[in-house]
Every structure is written in C-alpha cells, then in structure tokens.
N, C-alpha and C. Protein backbone atom coordinates (compact mmCIF):
# COMPACT_ATOMS: atom_id res chain seq x y z
N MET A 1 -4.04 6.10 30.53
CA MET A 1 -2.60 6.09 30.39
C MET A 1 -2.20 5.58 29.00
N ARG A 2 -2.90 4.58 28.48
CA ARG A 2 -2.57 4.02 27.18
C ARG A 2 -2.71 5.09 26.09
N LYS A 3 -3.77 5.93 26.19
CA LYS A 3 -3.98 6.98 25.20
C LYS A 3 -2.84 8.00 25.23
N THR A 4 -2.39 8.34 26.42
CA THR A 4 -1.28 9.28 26.58
C THR A 4 0.00 8.72 25.97
N THR A 5 0.27 7.45 26.23
CA THR A 5 1.47 6.81 25.68
C THR A 5 1.41 6.79 24.16
N THR A 6 0.26 6.45 23.61
CA THR A 6 0.09 6.41 22.15
C THR A 6 0.31 7.80 21.55
N LEU A 7 -0.26 8.82 22.19
CA LEU A 7 -0.09 10.19 21.70
C LEU A 7 1.37 10.63 21.77
N ALA A 8 2.06 10.26 22.83
CA ALA A 8 3.47 10.62 22.96
C ALA A 8 4.31 9.94 21.88
N LEU A 9 4.02 8.66 21.62
CA LEU A 9 4.75 7.95 20.57
C LEU A 9 4.46 8.56 19.20
N ALA A 10 3.22 8.92 18.96
CA ALA A 10 2.85 9.52 17.68
C ALA A 10 3.56 10.86 17.49
N ALA A 11 3.60 11.67 18.53
CA ALA A 11 4.27 12.97 18.45
C ALA A 11 5.76 12.80 18.19
N THR A 12 6.38 11.85 18.88
CA THR A 12 7.81 11.59 18.68
C THR A 12 8.09 11.15 17.24
N ALA A 13 7.25 10.27 16.72
CA ALA A 13 7.45 9.79 15.35
C ALA A 13 7.27 10.92 14.34
N LEU A 14 6.29 11.78 14.56
CA LEU A 14 6.08 12.90 13.64
C LEU A 14 7.27 13.85 13.65
N ILE A 15 7.84 14.09 14.81
CA ILE A 15 9.02 14.94 14.90
C ILE A 15 10.18 14.30 14.15
N ALA A 16 10.36 12.98 14.34
CA ALA A 16 11.44 12.26 13.66
C ALA A 16 11.25 12.31 12.15
N LEU A 17 10.01 12.15 11.70
CA LEU A 17 9.73 12.22 10.26
C LEU A 17 10.02 13.62 9.72
N GLY A 18 9.70 14.63 10.51
CA GLY A 18 9.94 16.02 10.10
C GLY A 18 11.42 16.32 9.95
N CYS A 19 12.26 15.70 10.77
CA CYS A 19 13.70 15.92 10.70
C CYS A 19 14.29 15.39 9.40
N GLY A 20 13.69 14.36 8.83
CA GLY A 20 14.19 13.78 7.59
C GLY A 20 13.51 14.34 6.36
N ALA A 21 12.66 15.34 6.53
CA ALA A 21 11.88 15.86 5.41
C ALA A 21 12.73 16.43 4.29
N GLY A 22 13.90 16.97 4.60
CA GLY A 22 14.74 17.58 3.58
C GLY A 22 15.40 16.57 2.66
N SER A 23 15.33 15.28 2.98
CA SER A 23 16.04 14.28 2.18
C SER A 23 15.08 13.41 1.35
N THR A 24 13.93 13.97 0.98
CA THR A 24 12.99 13.19 0.19
C THR A 24 13.44 13.07 -1.24
N ASP A 25 12.83 12.13 -1.97
CA ASP A 25 13.18 11.91 -3.37
C ASP A 25 12.84 13.12 -4.25
N GLU A 26 11.91 13.98 -3.77
CA GLU A 26 11.53 15.15 -4.54
C GLU A 26 12.70 16.10 -4.75
N THR A 27 13.66 16.11 -3.83
CA THR A 27 14.79 17.03 -3.94
C THR A 27 15.90 16.45 -4.81
N SER A 28 15.76 15.20 -5.22
CA SER A 28 16.79 14.55 -6.03
C SER A 28 16.75 15.08 -7.46
N SER A 29 17.91 15.31 -8.03
CA SER A 29 17.96 15.81 -9.40
C SER A 29 18.18 14.69 -10.41
N SER A 30 18.32 13.47 -9.94
CA SER A 30 18.57 12.35 -10.83
C SER A 30 17.28 11.80 -11.41
N GLY A 31 17.18 11.69 -12.71
CA GLY A 31 16.00 11.15 -13.37
C GLY A 31 15.80 9.68 -13.06
N GLY A 32 16.87 8.94 -12.80
CA GLY A 32 16.79 7.52 -12.47
C GLY A 32 16.01 7.28 -11.20
N ASP A 33 16.14 8.17 -10.21
CA ASP A 33 15.40 8.03 -8.97
C ASP A 33 13.91 8.14 -9.21
N SER A 34 13.50 9.03 -10.12
CA SER A 34 12.09 9.19 -10.42
C SER A 34 11.51 7.93 -11.04
N ALA A 35 12.23 7.32 -11.95
CA ALA A 35 11.78 6.09 -12.59
C ALA A 35 11.65 4.97 -11.56
N ALA A 36 12.61 4.88 -10.65
CA ALA A 36 12.55 3.87 -9.61
C ALA A 36 11.34 4.10 -8.70
N LYS A 37 11.04 5.37 -8.42
CA LYS A 37 9.91 5.71 -7.57
C LYS A 37 8.60 5.32 -8.24
N VAL A 38 8.48 5.56 -9.54
CA VAL A 38 7.28 5.18 -10.28
C VAL A 38 7.12 3.67 -10.28
N GLU A 39 8.22 2.95 -10.48
CA GLU A 39 8.19 1.49 -10.48
C GLU A 39 7.77 0.97 -9.11
N GLU A 40 8.30 1.58 -8.04
CA GLU A 40 7.95 1.18 -6.69
C GLU A 40 6.46 1.43 -6.45
N LYS A 41 5.95 2.57 -6.91
CA LYS A 41 4.55 2.93 -6.74
C LYS A 41 3.65 1.91 -7.43
N ALA A 42 4.01 1.48 -8.62
CA ALA A 42 3.22 0.51 -9.37
C ALA A 42 3.17 -0.82 -8.63
N ALA A 43 4.26 -1.18 -7.97
CA ALA A 43 4.32 -2.44 -7.25
C ALA A 43 3.57 -2.38 -5.93
N LYS A 44 3.10 -1.20 -5.55
CA LYS A 44 2.41 -1.01 -4.27
C LYS A 44 0.90 -1.14 -4.38
N THR A 45 0.39 -1.82 -5.41
CA THR A 45 -1.04 -2.03 -5.57
C THR A 45 -1.31 -3.51 -5.74
N GLY A 46 -2.30 -4.01 -5.02
CA GLY A 46 -2.64 -5.43 -5.11
C GLY A 46 -4.13 -5.63 -5.33
N LYS A 47 -4.52 -6.89 -5.39
CA LYS A 47 -5.91 -7.28 -5.57
C LYS A 47 -6.27 -8.33 -4.53
N ILE A 48 -7.56 -8.58 -4.37
CA ILE A 48 -8.01 -9.62 -3.45
C ILE A 48 -7.40 -10.95 -3.88
N GLY A 49 -6.84 -11.67 -2.93
CA GLY A 49 -6.25 -12.98 -3.19
C GLY A 49 -4.79 -12.94 -3.59
N GLN A 50 -4.24 -11.75 -3.84
CA GLN A 50 -2.84 -11.62 -4.23
C GLN A 50 -2.04 -10.99 -3.09
N PRO A 51 -0.84 -11.52 -2.79
CA PRO A 51 -0.01 -10.92 -1.75
C PRO A 51 0.46 -9.52 -2.14
N ALA A 52 0.47 -8.63 -1.16
CA ALA A 52 0.95 -7.26 -1.36
C ALA A 52 1.75 -6.89 -0.11
N ARG A 53 2.92 -6.27 -0.31
CA ARG A 53 3.82 -6.00 0.82
C ARG A 53 3.90 -4.52 1.19
N ASP A 54 4.02 -4.33 2.51
CA ASP A 54 4.37 -3.03 3.06
C ASP A 54 5.31 -3.32 4.21
N GLY A 55 6.54 -2.85 4.09
CA GLY A 55 7.52 -3.06 5.14
C GLY A 55 7.76 -4.53 5.41
N LYS A 56 7.60 -4.93 6.66
CA LYS A 56 7.88 -6.31 7.07
C LYS A 56 6.68 -7.25 6.88
N PHE A 57 5.55 -6.72 6.42
CA PHE A 57 4.36 -7.55 6.29
C PHE A 57 3.97 -7.80 4.84
N GLU A 58 3.54 -9.03 4.60
CA GLU A 58 2.94 -9.40 3.33
C GLU A 58 1.46 -9.66 3.62
N PHE A 59 0.60 -8.84 3.03
CA PHE A 59 -0.84 -8.93 3.26
C PHE A 59 -1.50 -9.67 2.10
N THR A 60 -2.44 -10.56 2.42
CA THR A 60 -3.29 -11.15 1.40
C THR A 60 -4.72 -10.99 1.87
N VAL A 61 -5.47 -10.13 1.16
CA VAL A 61 -6.88 -9.94 1.48
C VAL A 61 -7.63 -11.16 0.95
N LYS A 62 -8.27 -11.88 1.86
CA LYS A 62 -8.99 -13.11 1.50
C LYS A 62 -10.41 -12.80 1.02
N SER A 63 -11.09 -11.89 1.73
CA SER A 63 -12.47 -11.57 1.37
C SER A 63 -12.89 -10.26 2.01
N SER A 64 -14.00 -9.73 1.49
CA SER A 64 -14.59 -8.51 2.03
C SER A 64 -16.11 -8.68 1.99
N LYS A 65 -16.75 -8.49 3.15
CA LYS A 65 -18.20 -8.65 3.23
C LYS A 65 -18.79 -7.44 3.93
N CYS A 66 -19.63 -6.70 3.22
CA CYS A 66 -20.28 -5.52 3.79
C CYS A 66 -21.76 -5.81 4.04
N GLY A 67 -22.45 -4.87 4.67
CA GLY A 67 -23.87 -5.03 4.95
C GLY A 67 -24.15 -5.76 6.25
N VAL A 68 -23.15 -5.93 7.09
CA VAL A 68 -23.31 -6.63 8.36
C VAL A 68 -23.79 -5.63 9.41
N ALA A 69 -24.88 -5.93 10.09
CA ALA A 69 -25.48 -5.01 11.06
C ALA A 69 -24.87 -5.12 12.45
N LYS A 70 -24.39 -6.33 12.80
CA LYS A 70 -23.87 -6.55 14.16
C LYS A 70 -22.78 -7.62 14.12
N VAL A 71 -21.77 -7.45 14.99
CA VAL A 71 -20.75 -8.48 15.18
C VAL A 71 -20.81 -8.94 16.63
N GLY A 72 -20.41 -10.18 16.86
CA GLY A 72 -20.47 -10.75 18.19
C GLY A 72 -21.62 -11.73 18.27
N ASP A 73 -22.04 -12.01 19.52
CA ASP A 73 -23.16 -12.93 19.71
C ASP A 73 -24.33 -12.19 20.35
N SER A 74 -25.34 -12.94 20.79
CA SER A 74 -26.55 -12.30 21.34
C SER A 74 -26.30 -11.63 22.69
N VAL A 75 -25.25 -12.06 23.41
CA VAL A 75 -24.95 -11.48 24.71
C VAL A 75 -23.96 -10.33 24.59
N LEU A 76 -22.84 -10.59 23.91
CA LEU A 76 -21.80 -9.57 23.74
C LEU A 76 -21.62 -9.28 22.25
N GLY A 77 -21.61 -8.02 21.91
CA GLY A 77 -21.41 -7.65 20.52
C GLY A 77 -21.48 -6.15 20.35
N GLU A 78 -21.46 -5.75 19.10
CA GLU A 78 -21.53 -4.33 18.79
C GLU A 78 -22.36 -4.14 17.52
N LYS A 79 -23.24 -3.14 17.56
CA LYS A 79 -24.07 -2.81 16.40
C LYS A 79 -23.39 -1.72 15.59
N ALA A 80 -23.53 -1.81 14.28
CA ALA A 80 -22.94 -0.81 13.38
C ALA A 80 -23.73 0.49 13.44
N GLN A 81 -23.01 1.60 13.31
CA GLN A 81 -23.69 2.89 13.16
C GLN A 81 -24.37 2.93 11.80
N GLY A 82 -23.68 2.36 10.79
CA GLY A 82 -24.22 2.26 9.44
C GLY A 82 -24.26 0.79 9.06
N GLN A 83 -23.16 0.30 8.49
CA GLN A 83 -22.98 -1.11 8.17
C GLN A 83 -21.53 -1.48 8.45
N PHE A 84 -21.32 -2.70 8.89
CA PHE A 84 -19.96 -3.18 9.06
C PHE A 84 -19.49 -3.81 7.76
N CYS A 85 -18.24 -3.55 7.41
CA CYS A 85 -17.55 -4.27 6.34
C CYS A 85 -16.47 -5.09 7.03
N LEU A 86 -16.55 -6.40 6.85
CA LEU A 86 -15.60 -7.32 7.48
C LEU A 86 -14.60 -7.75 6.43
N VAL A 87 -13.34 -7.39 6.64
CA VAL A 87 -12.28 -7.69 5.68
C VAL A 87 -11.35 -8.72 6.31
N THR A 88 -11.34 -9.92 5.72
CA THR A 88 -10.49 -10.99 6.22
C THR A 88 -9.12 -10.89 5.54
N ILE A 89 -8.08 -10.77 6.37
CA ILE A 89 -6.72 -10.53 5.88
C ILE A 89 -5.75 -11.53 6.50
N ASN A 90 -4.88 -12.08 5.67
CA ASN A 90 -3.77 -12.88 6.16
C ASN A 90 -2.55 -11.96 6.20
N VAL A 91 -1.86 -11.95 7.34
CA VAL A 91 -0.69 -11.09 7.52
C VAL A 91 0.51 -11.98 7.85
N LYS A 92 1.52 -11.92 6.99
CA LYS A 92 2.74 -12.72 7.20
C LYS A 92 3.91 -11.78 7.43
N ASN A 93 4.72 -12.10 8.45
CA ASN A 93 5.92 -11.31 8.73
C ASN A 93 7.03 -11.84 7.83
N VAL A 94 7.45 -11.01 6.86
CA VAL A 94 8.52 -11.39 5.94
C VAL A 94 9.85 -10.74 6.33
N GLY A 95 9.86 -10.09 7.50
CA GLY A 95 11.07 -9.42 7.99
C GLY A 95 11.96 -10.35 8.78
N LYS A 96 12.95 -9.77 9.44
CA LYS A 96 13.94 -10.52 10.21
C LYS A 96 13.74 -10.39 11.72
N GLU A 97 12.72 -9.62 12.14
CA GLU A 97 12.42 -9.47 13.56
C GLU A 97 10.92 -9.35 13.77
N SER A 98 10.50 -9.51 15.01
CA SER A 98 9.09 -9.45 15.36
C SER A 98 8.51 -8.08 14.97
N GLN A 99 7.28 -8.08 14.53
CA GLN A 99 6.59 -6.84 14.16
C GLN A 99 5.16 -6.93 14.68
N MET A 100 4.66 -5.81 15.22
CA MET A 100 3.31 -5.79 15.76
C MET A 100 2.31 -5.41 14.66
N PHE A 101 1.29 -6.25 14.50
CA PHE A 101 0.20 -5.92 13.58
C PHE A 101 -0.90 -5.25 14.38
N ASP A 102 -1.35 -4.10 13.89
CA ASP A 102 -2.40 -3.35 14.56
C ASP A 102 -3.49 -3.03 13.55
N GLY A 103 -4.65 -3.61 13.75
CA GLY A 103 -5.78 -3.38 12.85
C GLY A 103 -6.16 -1.92 12.72
N SER A 104 -5.91 -1.12 13.77
CA SER A 104 -6.29 0.29 13.72
C SER A 104 -5.43 1.11 12.76
N SER A 105 -4.33 0.54 12.27
CA SER A 105 -3.47 1.24 11.30
C SER A 105 -3.98 1.09 9.86
N GLN A 106 -5.01 0.27 9.67
CA GLN A 106 -5.52 -0.01 8.33
C GLN A 106 -6.62 0.99 7.96
N LYS A 107 -6.72 1.29 6.67
CA LYS A 107 -7.71 2.27 6.20
C LYS A 107 -8.49 1.69 5.02
N ALA A 108 -9.71 2.17 4.86
CA ALA A 108 -10.53 1.77 3.72
C ALA A 108 -11.03 3.04 3.03
N TYR A 109 -11.27 2.94 1.72
CA TYR A 109 -11.68 4.10 0.94
C TYR A 109 -12.89 3.78 0.06
N ALA A 110 -13.76 4.77 -0.08
CA ALA A 110 -14.88 4.70 -1.01
C ALA A 110 -14.41 5.27 -2.35
N ALA A 111 -15.22 5.13 -3.38
CA ALA A 111 -14.87 5.59 -4.73
C ALA A 111 -14.59 7.08 -4.78
N ASP A 112 -15.26 7.87 -3.93
CA ASP A 112 -15.06 9.32 -3.94
C ASP A 112 -13.83 9.76 -3.14
N GLY A 113 -13.07 8.79 -2.60
CA GLY A 113 -11.86 9.11 -1.86
C GLY A 113 -12.06 9.27 -0.36
N THR A 114 -13.29 9.13 0.12
CA THR A 114 -13.54 9.24 1.56
C THR A 114 -12.81 8.11 2.29
N GLU A 115 -12.09 8.49 3.33
CA GLU A 115 -11.29 7.53 4.11
C GLU A 115 -12.05 7.09 5.35
N TYR A 116 -12.01 5.77 5.62
CA TYR A 116 -12.64 5.20 6.80
C TYR A 116 -11.60 4.47 7.63
N SER A 117 -11.66 4.70 8.95
CA SER A 117 -10.72 4.02 9.84
C SER A 117 -11.33 2.71 10.34
N ALA A 118 -10.47 1.82 10.79
CA ALA A 118 -10.91 0.53 11.30
C ALA A 118 -11.59 0.72 12.66
N ASP A 119 -12.56 -0.12 12.94
CA ASP A 119 -13.29 -0.11 14.20
C ASP A 119 -12.71 -1.23 15.07
N THR A 120 -11.74 -0.88 15.93
CA THR A 120 -11.06 -1.90 16.73
C THR A 120 -11.98 -2.51 17.79
N GLY A 121 -12.95 -1.75 18.26
CA GLY A 121 -13.92 -2.30 19.23
C GLY A 121 -14.74 -3.41 18.61
N ALA A 122 -15.24 -3.19 17.41
CA ALA A 122 -16.02 -4.21 16.70
C ALA A 122 -15.14 -5.39 16.32
N ALA A 123 -13.88 -5.13 16.00
CA ALA A 123 -12.95 -6.20 15.60
C ALA A 123 -12.73 -7.20 16.73
N ILE A 124 -12.81 -6.74 17.96
CA ILE A 124 -12.67 -7.65 19.10
C ILE A 124 -13.76 -8.72 19.05
N TYR A 125 -14.97 -8.32 18.68
CA TYR A 125 -16.09 -9.27 18.59
C TYR A 125 -16.05 -10.10 17.31
N ALA A 126 -15.43 -9.59 16.26
CA ALA A 126 -15.37 -10.28 14.97
C ALA A 126 -14.24 -11.31 14.93
N ASN A 127 -13.29 -11.24 15.86
CA ASN A 127 -12.14 -12.15 15.91
C ASN A 127 -12.19 -12.96 17.19
N LYS A 128 -11.97 -14.25 17.07
CA LYS A 128 -11.99 -15.13 18.25
C LYS A 128 -10.79 -14.92 19.14
N ASN A 129 -9.61 -14.66 18.56
CA ASN A 129 -8.37 -14.59 19.34
C ASN A 129 -7.65 -13.25 19.22
N ALA A 130 -8.38 -12.17 18.96
CA ALA A 130 -7.79 -10.82 18.85
C ALA A 130 -6.65 -10.77 17.84
N GLU A 131 -6.81 -11.45 16.70
CA GLU A 131 -5.76 -11.52 15.69
C GLU A 131 -5.36 -10.15 15.14
N THR A 132 -6.28 -9.20 15.13
CA THR A 132 -5.99 -7.91 14.52
C THR A 132 -5.78 -6.80 15.55
N PHE A 133 -5.63 -7.15 16.81
CA PHE A 133 -5.44 -6.13 17.84
C PHE A 133 -4.08 -6.28 18.50
N LEU A 134 -3.14 -5.42 18.10
CA LEU A 134 -1.80 -5.39 18.70
C LEU A 134 -1.19 -6.78 18.83
N ASN A 135 -1.11 -7.47 17.73
CA ASN A 135 -0.62 -8.85 17.70
C ASN A 135 0.82 -8.89 17.21
N ASP A 136 1.75 -9.33 18.08
CA ASP A 136 3.15 -9.50 17.67
C ASP A 136 3.27 -10.74 16.79
N ILE A 137 3.87 -10.57 15.61
CA ILE A 137 4.07 -11.69 14.69
C ILE A 137 5.57 -11.86 14.50
N ASN A 138 6.08 -13.04 14.81
CA ASN A 138 7.50 -13.32 14.64
C ASN A 138 7.82 -13.58 13.17
N PRO A 139 9.10 -13.42 12.78
CA PRO A 139 9.50 -13.65 11.38
C PRO A 139 9.07 -15.03 10.90
N GLY A 140 8.49 -15.06 9.70
CA GLY A 140 8.04 -16.30 9.09
C GLY A 140 6.66 -16.74 9.53
N ASN A 141 6.15 -16.20 10.62
CA ASN A 141 4.81 -16.55 11.10
C ASN A 141 3.76 -15.69 10.42
N GLN A 142 2.50 -16.16 10.51
CA GLN A 142 1.39 -15.41 9.93
C GLN A 142 0.13 -15.61 10.74
N VAL A 143 -0.76 -14.65 10.65
CA VAL A 143 -2.07 -14.73 11.28
C VAL A 143 -3.12 -14.35 10.25
N THR A 144 -4.32 -14.83 10.44
CA THR A 144 -5.45 -14.42 9.62
C THR A 144 -6.50 -13.86 10.56
N GLY A 145 -6.99 -12.68 10.26
CA GLY A 145 -7.99 -12.04 11.10
C GLY A 145 -8.91 -11.14 10.30
N VAL A 146 -9.85 -10.56 11.01
CA VAL A 146 -10.86 -9.70 10.40
C VAL A 146 -10.64 -8.26 10.87
N VAL A 147 -10.49 -7.36 9.90
CA VAL A 147 -10.46 -5.93 10.19
C VAL A 147 -11.86 -5.41 9.87
N VAL A 148 -12.43 -4.64 10.79
CA VAL A 148 -13.82 -4.19 10.66
C VAL A 148 -13.86 -2.68 10.40
N PHE A 149 -14.68 -2.29 9.43
CA PHE A 149 -14.92 -0.88 9.13
C PHE A 149 -16.40 -0.61 9.28
N ASP A 150 -16.77 0.46 9.99
CA ASP A 150 -18.16 0.86 10.15
C ASP A 150 -18.38 2.04 9.21
N ILE A 151 -19.12 1.80 8.13
CA ILE A 151 -19.32 2.82 7.10
C ILE A 151 -20.82 3.06 6.89
N PRO A 152 -21.20 4.19 6.28
CA PRO A 152 -22.62 4.44 6.02
C PRO A 152 -23.23 3.34 5.14
N LYS A 153 -24.53 3.12 5.31
CA LYS A 153 -25.23 2.05 4.60
C LYS A 153 -25.17 2.19 3.08
N ASN A 154 -25.13 3.40 2.58
CA ASN A 154 -25.15 3.62 1.12
C ASN A 154 -23.76 3.67 0.48
N VAL A 155 -22.72 3.34 1.23
CA VAL A 155 -21.34 3.43 0.73
C VAL A 155 -20.81 2.06 0.36
N LYS A 156 -20.00 2.03 -0.70
CA LYS A 156 -19.31 0.80 -1.12
C LYS A 156 -17.81 1.08 -1.08
N LEU A 157 -17.06 0.22 -0.41
CA LEU A 157 -15.61 0.37 -0.35
C LEU A 157 -14.99 -0.09 -1.66
N THR A 158 -13.97 0.66 -2.12
CA THR A 158 -13.31 0.30 -3.38
C THR A 158 -11.87 -0.15 -3.19
N LYS A 159 -11.24 0.30 -2.08
CA LYS A 159 -9.85 -0.11 -1.85
C LYS A 159 -9.50 -0.02 -0.38
N LEU A 160 -8.43 -0.73 -0.04
CA LEU A 160 -7.85 -0.70 1.30
C LEU A 160 -6.45 -0.13 1.20
N GLU A 161 -5.98 0.45 2.30
CA GLU A 161 -4.59 0.86 2.42
C GLU A 161 -4.07 0.15 3.67
N LEU A 162 -3.19 -0.82 3.45
CA LEU A 162 -2.71 -1.67 4.53
C LEU A 162 -1.30 -1.28 4.95
N HIS A 163 -1.07 -1.23 6.26
CA HIS A 163 0.19 -0.72 6.81
C HIS A 163 0.82 -1.71 7.78
N ASP A 164 2.15 -1.81 7.73
CA ASP A 164 2.86 -2.64 8.71
C ASP A 164 3.07 -1.89 10.02
N SER A 165 2.88 -0.57 10.00
CA SER A 165 2.96 0.25 11.21
C SER A 165 2.17 1.53 10.95
N PRO A 166 1.85 2.30 11.99
CA PRO A 166 1.06 3.51 11.79
C PRO A 166 1.72 4.54 10.86
N PHE A 167 3.04 4.49 10.71
CA PHE A 167 3.73 5.53 9.94
C PHE A 167 4.32 5.02 8.63
N SER A 168 3.99 3.80 8.24
CA SER A 168 4.53 3.26 6.98
C SER A 168 3.77 3.85 5.79
N GLY A 169 4.33 3.71 4.61
CA GLY A 169 3.71 4.23 3.39
C GLY A 169 2.45 3.51 3.01
N GLY A 170 2.33 2.23 3.37
CA GLY A 170 1.14 1.46 3.06
C GLY A 170 1.16 0.85 1.67
N VAL A 171 0.31 -0.12 1.46
CA VAL A 171 0.11 -0.75 0.17
C VAL A 171 -1.40 -0.73 -0.11
N THR A 172 -1.76 -0.42 -1.35
CA THR A 172 -3.16 -0.34 -1.73
C THR A 172 -3.61 -1.68 -2.30
N VAL A 173 -4.80 -2.10 -1.86
CA VAL A 173 -5.41 -3.31 -2.38
C VAL A 173 -6.81 -2.96 -2.88
N ALA A 174 -7.04 -3.19 -4.18
CA ALA A 174 -8.34 -2.91 -4.80
C ALA A 174 -9.35 -3.97 -4.34
N LEU A 175 -10.56 -3.53 -4.03
CA LEU A 175 -11.60 -4.45 -3.59
C LEU A 175 -12.56 -4.83 -4.72
N SER A 176 -12.41 -4.20 -5.89
CA SER A 176 -13.32 -4.54 -6.98
C SER A 176 -12.56 -4.87 -8.24
C-alpha cells in the first residue's frame, strides 16, 4: 500500500509540475531574469563543512566515508553490493513549518556524471534513530544522520545533490 501511495503522490506532483511548465524562466524576455537565474545557480553549490540551502532545509555535509563493506552489527545489518559510502549530513529546518526529510530524495554523482540513489535499507542500519528516514523536522530544529550510497568498488563520488523534497531543485555539494 505504501508503494501505491508514493506512486500516486509522484504522479500527482508530476502533473502539477507539467501544468506550470509554460511559465518557466526560459520564456521570459527580460535579461535581468537571466542574470538572477545565473546568480541563483552559483549560490546553489556548496562544499563539505559549509551550509547549503534547498527550500526549507539547510544542509551541512560533515563527512563522507567510502569503502565500507557492511553496515549494522554482527546480527542485523546489510552488505554492500559494491561499497557503501556513508555521508554524514546535518539538516536544519530554516522554514516556517514542519518539513519531512527523506534520505531517499538525495543523490550522489561520480566524475563521469553517473547518478546513484540512496540506499534507505542500509541507512536504517547506519543510523541509530532513523534520522534520515521520513523524519519530520520542525522549524529551527535540526538532525544529523547518515545517508548511505551503495556504489561499485572502483567508483569515487565527486558530488551530492541534496533535496528538501523529492521534487525540489536541489543543491549541489562538492565532495572533493
């Protein structure tokens, strides 16, 4: 049932986004809008240890550790198909209302542009209190958790794309 609900919400959001497609900045004839868009784009890139915002969330990537073969303990855990990359992120709600943080909305990229999705199953074992799994964060509050990516052993991640919701524009954070 949860999968059906998620698919229905995703379809509804895509339809809503499609209805507003005619009002994008690309159709604007004002040169000032283009300059503002470039400035906004430049502000949408961060580095490890520096706050970067997307929507209602301010993300600070604390660390990134790859080459991990297993998360969890000897009884309960999950083994990587390749290697796990554990990305510790602080997420602060800078908005005026509660916002849900979902680790599965986060993406990681290799140098060649290959996109990797978060492994929410492994994240359950990497986090003591499910900090990155559908966690409601009230305004002014923050959580720190681990987002897990299962990537091939020979791959190195170069950047993250962090989102305050599945349909937000995201903010890029360089890992090197």
